[in-house]
C-alpha atoms as a PDB file:
ATOM      1  CA  MET A   1      69.224  56.654  96.766  1.00  0.00           C
ATOM      2  CA  VAL A   2      70.204  60.279  96.348  1.00  0.00           C
ATOM      3  CA  THR A   3      68.731  63.213  98.246  1.00  0.00           C
ATOM      4  CA  ILE A   4      68.949  66.410  96.193  1.00  0.00           C
ATOM      5  CA  SER A   5      68.694  70.054  97.210  1.00  0.00           C
ATOM      6  CA  VAL A   6      68.725  72.962  94.720  1.00  0.00           C
ATOM      7  CA  TYR A   7      69.480  76.595  95.603  1.00  0.00           C
ATOM      8  CA  PRO A   8      68.067  79.038  94.661  1.00  0.00           C
ATOM      9  CA  PRO A   9      64.846  77.070  94.363  1.00  0.00           C
ATOM     10  CA  ALA A  10      64.188  76.172  90.732  1.00  0.00           C
ATOM     11  CA  GLU A  11      61.798  73.778  89.072  1.00  0.00           C
ATOM     12  CA  TYR A  12      63.508  70.498  88.186  1.00  0.00           C
ATOM     13  CA  ARG A  13      62.736  66.839  87.740  1.00  0.00           C
ATOM     14  CA  VAL A  14      64.803  63.710  88.060  1.00  0.00           C
ATOM     15  CA  VAL A  15      64.693  61.673  84.856  1.00  0.00           C
ATOM     16  CA  PRO A  16      65.897  58.052  84.759  1.00  0.00           C
ATOM     17  CA  ILE A  17      68.448  57.227  82.051  1.00  0.00           C
ATOM     18  CA  GLN A  18      68.311  53.696  80.728  1.00  0.00           C
ATOM     19  CA  GLY A  19      71.292  51.785  82.128  1.00  0.00           C
ATOM     20  CA  ALA A  20      73.069  54.939  83.290  1.00  0.00           C
ATOM     21  CA  GLY A  21      71.235  56.157  86.387  1.00  0.00           C
ATOM     22  CA  GLU A  22      69.365  59.430  86.604  1.00  0.00           C
ATOM     23  CA  GLU A  23      69.784  63.016  85.517  1.00  0.00           C
ATOM     24  CA  ILE A  24      68.488  66.246  86.991  1.00  0.00           C
ATOM     25  CA  ARG A  25      66.668  68.204  84.326  1.00  0.00           C
ATOM     26  CA  PHE A  26      65.863  71.898  84.746  1.00  0.00           C
ATOM     27  CA  GLU A  27      63.080  73.100  82.489  1.00  0.00           C
ATOM     28  CA  ARG A  28      64.090  76.737  82.434  1.00  0.00           C
ATOM     29  CA  LEU A  29      67.146  78.676  83.601  1.00  0.00           C
ATOM     30  CA  LEU A  30      68.007  82.286  82.868  1.00  0.00           C
ATOM     31  CA  PRO A  31      71.176  83.177  80.949  1.00  0.00           C
ATOM     32  CA  LYS A  32      74.178  83.451  83.298  1.00  0.00           C
ATOM     33  CA  GLN A  33      72.099  82.037  86.162  1.00  0.00           C
ATOM     34  CA  SER A  34      74.062  79.934  88.638  1.00  0.00           C
ATOM     35  CA  ILE A  35      72.499  77.197  90.696  1.00  0.00           C
ATOM     36  CA  MET A  36      73.929  75.109  93.484  1.00  0.00           C
ATOM     37  CA  ILE A  37      73.057  71.423  93.671  1.00  0.00           C
ATOM     38  CA  THR A  38      73.836  69.550  96.860  1.00  0.00           C
ATOM     39  CA  TYR A  39      73.326  65.858  97.254  1.00  0.00           C
ATOM     40  CA  VAL A  40      73.676  63.038  99.739  1.00  0.00           C
ATOM     41  CA  TYR A  41      74.025  59.525  98.417  1.00  0.00           C
ATOM     42  CA  THR A  42      74.029  56.118 100.063  1.00  0.00           C
ATOM     43  CA  SER A  43      76.930  53.689  99.967  1.00  0.00           C
ATOM     44  CA  PRO A  44      76.110  51.551  96.896  1.00  0.00           C
ATOM     45  CA  LEU A  45      76.458  54.695  94.765  1.00  0.00           C
ATOM     46  CA  ASP A  46      80.023  55.731  93.933  1.00  0.00           C
ATOM     47  CA  VAL A  47      81.109  59.332  93.615  1.00  0.00           C
ATOM     48  CA  ASN A  48      82.287  58.724  90.034  1.00  0.00           C
ATOM     49  CA  LYS A  49      78.646  58.185  89.025  1.00  0.00           C
ATOM     50  CA  ILE A  50      77.733  61.728  90.093  1.00  0.00           C
ATOM     51  CA  ASN A  51      78.577  64.844  88.048  1.00  0.00           C
ATOM     52  CA  THR A  52      79.275  62.825  84.941  1.00  0.00           C
ATOM     53  CA  TYR A  53      78.288  65.552  82.463  1.00  0.00           C
ATOM     54  CA  VAL A  54      76.603  68.939  82.062  1.00  0.00           C
ATOM     55  CA  MET A  55      74.659  69.896  78.965  1.00  0.00           C
ATOM     56  CA  SER A  56      72.202  72.460  77.693  1.00  0.00           C
ATOM     57  CA  ASP A  57      69.799  72.433  74.759  1.00  0.00           C
ATOM     58  CA  GLU A  58      70.314  76.116  74.007  1.00  0.00           C
ATOM     59  CA  GLY A  59      73.969  76.915  74.554  1.00  0.00           C
ATOM     60  CA  MET A  60      77.045  76.580  76.688  1.00  0.00           C
ATOM     61  CA  ALA A  61      76.926  75.056  80.133  1.00  0.00           C
ATOM     62  CA  GLN A  62      79.794  74.240  82.416  1.00  0.00           C
ATOM     63  CA  ARG A  63      80.367  72.376  85.634  1.00  0.00           C
ATOM     64  CA  VAL A  64      82.294  74.159  88.360  1.00  0.00           C
ATOM     65  CA  ASN A  65      84.168  71.872  90.719  1.00  0.00           C
ATOM     66  CA  VAL A  66      84.246  73.119  94.273  1.00  0.00           C
ATOM     67  CA  LEU A  67      86.508  72.039  97.103  1.00  0.00           C
ATOM     68  CA  LEU A  68      85.265  72.488 100.627  1.00  0.00           C
ATOM     69  CA  ASN A  69      87.588  74.764 102.538  1.00  0.00           C
ATOM     70  CA  ARG A  70      87.188  76.266 105.923  1.00  0.00           C
ATOM     71  CA  GLN A  71      86.702  80.018 105.688  1.00  0.00           C
ATOM     72  CA  TRP A  72      88.681  81.752 108.397  1.00  0.00           C
ATOM     73  CA  SER A  73      87.621  85.139 109.708  1.00  0.00           C
ATOM     74  CA  LYS A  74      89.480  88.199 108.430  1.00  0.00           C
ATOM     75  CA  TRP A  75      90.817  89.183 111.832  1.00  0.00           C
ATOM     76  CA  LEU A  76      92.301  85.709 112.340  1.00  0.00           C
ATOM     77  CA  LEU A  77      93.967  85.795 108.917  1.00  0.00           C
ATOM     78  CA  LEU A  78      95.351  89.266 109.634  1.00  0.00           C
ATOM     79  CA  PHE A  79      96.636  88.040 112.998  1.00  0.00           C
ATOM     80  CA  ALA A  80      98.335  85.021 111.364  1.00  0.00           C
ATOM     81  CA  TRP A  81      99.918  87.083 108.564  1.00  0.00           C
ATOM     82  CA  TYR A  82     101.180  89.615 111.097  1.00  0.00           C
ATOM     83  CA  PHE A  83     102.969  86.965 113.152  1.00  0.00           C
ATOM     84  CA  LEU A  84     104.285  85.301 110.010  1.00  0.00           C
ATOM     85  CA  PHE A  85     105.778  88.626 108.928  1.00  0.00           C
ATOM     86  CA  VAL A  86     107.218  89.334 112.391  1.00  0.00           C
ATOM     87  CA  GLY A  87     108.748  85.848 112.488  1.00  0.00           C
ATOM     88  CA  PHE A  88     110.298  86.308 109.052  1.00  0.00           C
ATOM     89  CA  VAL A  89     111.775  89.708 109.925  1.00  0.00           C
ATOM     90  CA  THR A  90     113.105  88.400 113.254  1.00  0.00           C
ATOM     91  CA  THR A  91     114.734  85.386 111.589  1.00  0.00           C
ATOM     92  CA  ALA A  92     116.309  87.571 108.896  1.00  0.00           C
ATOM     93  CA  TYR A  93     117.645  89.990 111.521  1.00  0.00           C
ATOM     94  CA  LEU A  94     119.107  87.199 113.669  1.00  0.00           C
ATOM     95  CA  LEU A  95     120.787  85.635 110.655  1.00  0.00           C
ATOM     96  CA  TYR A  96     122.228  89.039 109.757  1.00  0.00           C
ATOM     97  CA  VAL A  97     123.491  89.644 113.318  1.00  0.00           C
ATOM     98  CA  TYR A  98     125.154  86.228 113.677  1.00  0.00           C
ATOM     99  CA  ILE A  99     126.502  85.781 110.123  1.00  0.00           C
ATOM    100  CA  ARG A 100     127.805  89.339 109.601  1.00  0.00           C
ATOM    101  CA  PRO A 101     130.717  88.992 112.086  1.00  0.00           C
ATOM    102  CA  LEU A 102     131.782  85.760 110.394  1.00  0.00           C
ATOM    103  CA  ILE A 103     131.905  87.457 107.005  1.00  0.00           C
ATOM    104  CA  ILE A 104     133.743  90.558 108.289  1.00  0.00           C
ATOM    105  CA  THR A 105     136.441  88.571 110.141  1.00  0.00           C
ATOM    106  CA  ALA A 106     137.062  86.205 107.223  1.00  0.00           C
END
């Protein structure tokens, strides 16, 4: 069993395919319109049986694979990049201070 959610709301129907499962069929979509389909499936259904193909009767259609990533706030990213930069500059300076005398005396 699969629970499906479509955003933005659009008219669709789930059509059974003989021997292959089911497909979600949208009757009408606008050109360049993007839709998001979310689904929850139970354990007898494998993930390789979902998103098997994308097609359109009137033209090009493509599937966009999405990986879930945590979105960090901008201030936290700025804070992290700042300390990364400070750490890099400090390490470079310390290497310069401790390696320079060895090069000069050699």
